[in-house]
C-alpha atoms as a PDB file:
ATOM      1  CA  MET A   1       3.954 -17.783  -4.889  1.00  0.00           C
ATOM      2  CA  LEU A   2       7.540 -16.718  -4.310  1.00  0.00           C
ATOM      3  CA  ARG A   3       8.673 -13.155  -3.605  1.00  0.00           C
ATOM      4  CA  TYR A   4      12.102 -11.630  -3.830  1.00  0.00           C
ATOM      5  CA  LYS A   5      13.057  -7.951  -3.800  1.00  0.00           C
ATOM      6  CA  GLY A   6       9.508  -6.943  -4.712  1.00  0.00           C
ATOM      7  CA  TYR A   7       9.237  -9.389  -7.626  1.00  0.00           C
ATOM      8  CA  THR A   8       7.010 -12.457  -7.679  1.00  0.00           C
ATOM      9  CA  THR A   9       6.674 -15.756  -9.494  1.00  0.00           C
ATOM     10  CA  ILE A  10       4.675 -18.946  -9.441  1.00  0.00           C
ATOM     11  CA  LEU A  11       6.677 -22.128  -9.995  1.00  0.00           C
ATOM     12  CA  GLN A  12       5.286 -24.726 -12.354  1.00  0.00           C
ATOM     13  CA  LEU A  13       6.389 -28.276 -13.000  1.00  0.00           C
ATOM     14  CA  ASP A  14       6.412 -29.480 -16.607  1.00  0.00           C
ATOM     15  CA  PRO A  15       5.022 -33.026 -16.306  1.00  0.00           C
ATOM     16  CA  ASN A  16       6.873 -34.299 -19.381  1.00  0.00           C
ATOM     17  CA  SER A  17      10.360 -32.967 -18.735  1.00  0.00           C
ATOM     18  CA  ARG A  18      10.015 -32.852 -14.936  1.00  0.00           C
ATOM     19  CA  ILE A  19      11.621 -29.386 -15.024  1.00  0.00           C
ATOM     20  CA  TRP A  20      10.448 -26.634 -12.700  1.00  0.00           C
ATOM     21  CA  HIS A  21      10.099 -23.287 -14.431  1.00  0.00           C
ATOM     22  CA  GLY A  22       8.662 -19.845 -13.966  1.00  0.00           C
ATOM     23  CA  ARG A  23       8.598 -16.246 -15.021  1.00  0.00           C
ATOM     24  CA  VAL A  24       8.576 -13.080 -12.964  1.00  0.00           C
ATOM     25  CA  THR A  25       4.863 -12.334 -13.023  1.00  0.00           C
ATOM     26  CA  ASN A  26       4.488  -8.744 -11.896  1.00  0.00           C
ATOM     27  CA  ILE A  27       6.515  -6.964 -14.597  1.00  0.00           C
ATOM     28  CA  GLN A  28       6.233  -6.464 -18.342  1.00  0.00           C
ATOM     29  CA  ASP A  29       9.860  -7.434 -19.050  1.00  0.00           C
ATOM     30  CA  VAL A  30      10.439 -11.155 -19.568  1.00  0.00           C
ATOM     31  CA  VAL A  31      12.529 -12.736 -16.821  1.00  0.00           C
ATOM     32  CA  ALA A  32      12.275 -16.528 -16.960  1.00  0.00           C
ATOM     33  CA  PHE A  33      14.141 -19.343 -15.214  1.00  0.00           C
ATOM     34  CA  GLU A  34      14.091 -23.088 -14.631  1.00  0.00           C
ATOM     35  CA  GLY A  35      15.566 -25.785 -12.424  1.00  0.00           C
ATOM     36  CA  ARG A  36      15.661 -29.557 -12.120  1.00  0.00           C
ATOM     37  CA  THR A  37      14.248 -29.359  -8.594  1.00  0.00           C
ATOM     38  CA  GLN A  38      11.897 -26.951  -6.897  1.00  0.00           C
ATOM     39  CA  ILE A  39      14.733 -25.696  -4.690  1.00  0.00           C
ATOM     40  CA  GLU A  40      16.961 -25.149  -7.718  1.00  0.00           C
ATOM     41  CA  ALA A  41      14.156 -23.247  -9.481  1.00  0.00           C
ATOM     42  CA  GLU A  42      13.685 -21.042  -6.406  1.00  0.00           C
ATOM     43  CA  ARG A  43      17.419 -20.309  -6.387  1.00  0.00           C
ATOM     44  CA  GLU A  44      17.324 -19.550 -10.135  1.00  0.00           C
ATOM     45  CA  PHE A  45      14.390 -17.186  -9.595  1.00  0.00           C
ATOM     46  CA  ARG A  46      16.461 -15.155  -7.130  1.00  0.00           C
ATOM     47  CA  ARG A  47      19.499 -15.251  -9.421  1.00  0.00           C
ATOM     48  CA  SER A  48      17.377 -14.146 -12.372  1.00  0.00           C
ATOM     49  CA  VAL A  49      15.962 -11.182 -10.445  1.00  0.00           C
ATOM     50  CA  ASP A  50      19.471 -10.182  -9.355  1.00  0.00           C
ATOM     51  CA  ALA A  51      20.753 -10.528 -12.948  1.00  0.00           C
ATOM     52  CA  TYR A  52      17.828  -8.467 -14.239  1.00  0.00           C
ATOM     53  CA  LEU A  53      18.469  -5.692 -11.718  1.00  0.00           C
ATOM     54  CA  ASN A  54      22.197  -5.735 -12.515  1.00  0.00           C
ATOM     55  CA  PHE A  55      21.495  -5.641 -16.260  1.00  0.00           C
ATOM     56  CA  CYS A  56      19.219  -2.625 -15.808  1.00  0.00           C
ATOM     57  CA  ARG A  57      21.922  -0.912 -13.762  1.00  0.00           C
ATOM     58  CA  VAL A  58      24.572  -1.589 -16.441  1.00  0.00           C
ATOM     59  CA  ILE A  59      22.429  -0.204 -19.263  1.00  0.00           C
ATOM     60  CA  GLU A  60      21.276   2.640 -17.004  1.00  0.00           C
ATOM     61  CA  ARG A  61      17.610   1.741 -17.240  1.00  0.00           C
ATOM     62  CA  ILE A  62      15.057   1.799 -14.446  1.00  0.00           C
ATOM     63  CA  PRO A  63      13.929  -1.779 -13.733  1.00  0.00           C
ATOM     64  CA  ASP A  64      10.302  -2.545 -14.385  1.00  0.00           C
ATOM     65  CA  GLN A  65       8.326  -2.543 -11.172  1.00  0.00           C
ATOM     66  CA  SER A  66       5.172  -4.358 -10.239  1.00  0.00           C
ATOM     67  CA  ALA A  67       1.908  -3.373 -11.864  1.00  0.00           C
ATOM     68  CA  PHE A  68       0.606  -2.511  -8.390  1.00  0.00           C
ATOM     69  CA  ARG A  69       3.404   0.021  -7.871  1.00  0.00           C
ATOM     70  CA  HIS A  70       2.728   1.524 -11.296  1.00  0.00           C
ATOM     71  CA  ARG A  71      -0.966   1.913 -10.483  1.00  0.00           C
ATOM     72  CA  ALA A  72      -0.180   3.511  -7.131  1.00  0.00           C
ATOM     73  CA  GLU A  73       2.297   5.919  -8.733  1.00  0.00           C
ATOM     74  CA  SER A  74      -0.205   6.755 -11.491  1.00  0.00           C
ATOM     75  CA  MET A  75      -2.913   7.422  -8.944  1.00  0.00           C
ATOM     76  CA  ASN A  76      -0.588   9.676  -6.942  1.00  0.00           C
ATOM     77  CA  SER A  77       0.454  11.491 -10.106  1.00  0.00           C
ATOM     78  CA  ALA A  78      -3.178  11.953 -11.189  1.00  0.00           C
ATOM     79  CA  THR A  79      -4.068  13.251  -7.737  1.00  0.00           C
ATOM     80  CA  GLU A  80      -1.200  15.742  -7.823  1.00  0.00           C
ATOM     81  CA  THR A  81      -2.160  16.851 -11.340  1.00  0.00           C
ATOM     82  CA  ARG A  82      -5.781  17.287 -10.288  1.00  0.00           C
ATOM     83  CA  ARG A  83      -4.724  19.148  -7.161  1.00  0.00           C
ATOM     84  CA  GLY A  84      -2.583  21.453  -9.298  1.00  0.00           C
ATOM     85  CA  GLN A  85      -5.490  22.034 -11.686  1.00  0.00           C
ATOM     86  CA  ASP A  86      -7.801  22.885  -8.805  1.00  0.00           C
ATOM     87  CA  ASP A  87      -5.211  25.283  -7.383  1.00  0.00           C
ATOM     88  CA  ASN A  88      -4.840  26.965 -10.785  1.00  0.00           C
ATOM     89  CA  PHE A  89      -8.612  27.247 -11.137  1.00  0.00           C
ATOM     90  CA  ASP A  90      -8.927  28.861  -7.709  1.00  0.00           C
ATOM     91  CA  PHE A  91      -6.108  31.268  -8.571  1.00  0.00           C
ATOM     92  CA  LEU A  92      -7.725  32.258 -11.877  1.00  0.00           C
ATOM     93  CA  LYS A  93     -11.135  32.604 -10.232  1.00  0.00           C
ATOM     94  CA  ASN A  94      -9.710  35.060  -7.706  1.00  0.00           C
ATOM     95  CA  ILE A  95      -8.081  37.170 -10.452  1.00  0.00           C
ATOM     96  CA  GLY A  96     -11.307  37.782 -12.397  1.00  0.00           C
END
């Protein structure tokens, strides 16, 4: 598994074409790459991530992040929402 700037991939070798290829695995957007050698594919992975991040910057869009980060953010958001609901409940309970 390769990692770069928080993005990951697993390189695969196509046995027929002898081309190394991969896709960024921890995002929903499709970012794919290939290379004639494993080293070239690794370099293309990094270039593809950089191009993806640059593209998102140009179109003023937040890049997709890993599913793990999304889950952590969702859990934090749910905790904050729940905490706010509990605070509101306590406030209303003290009024009545």
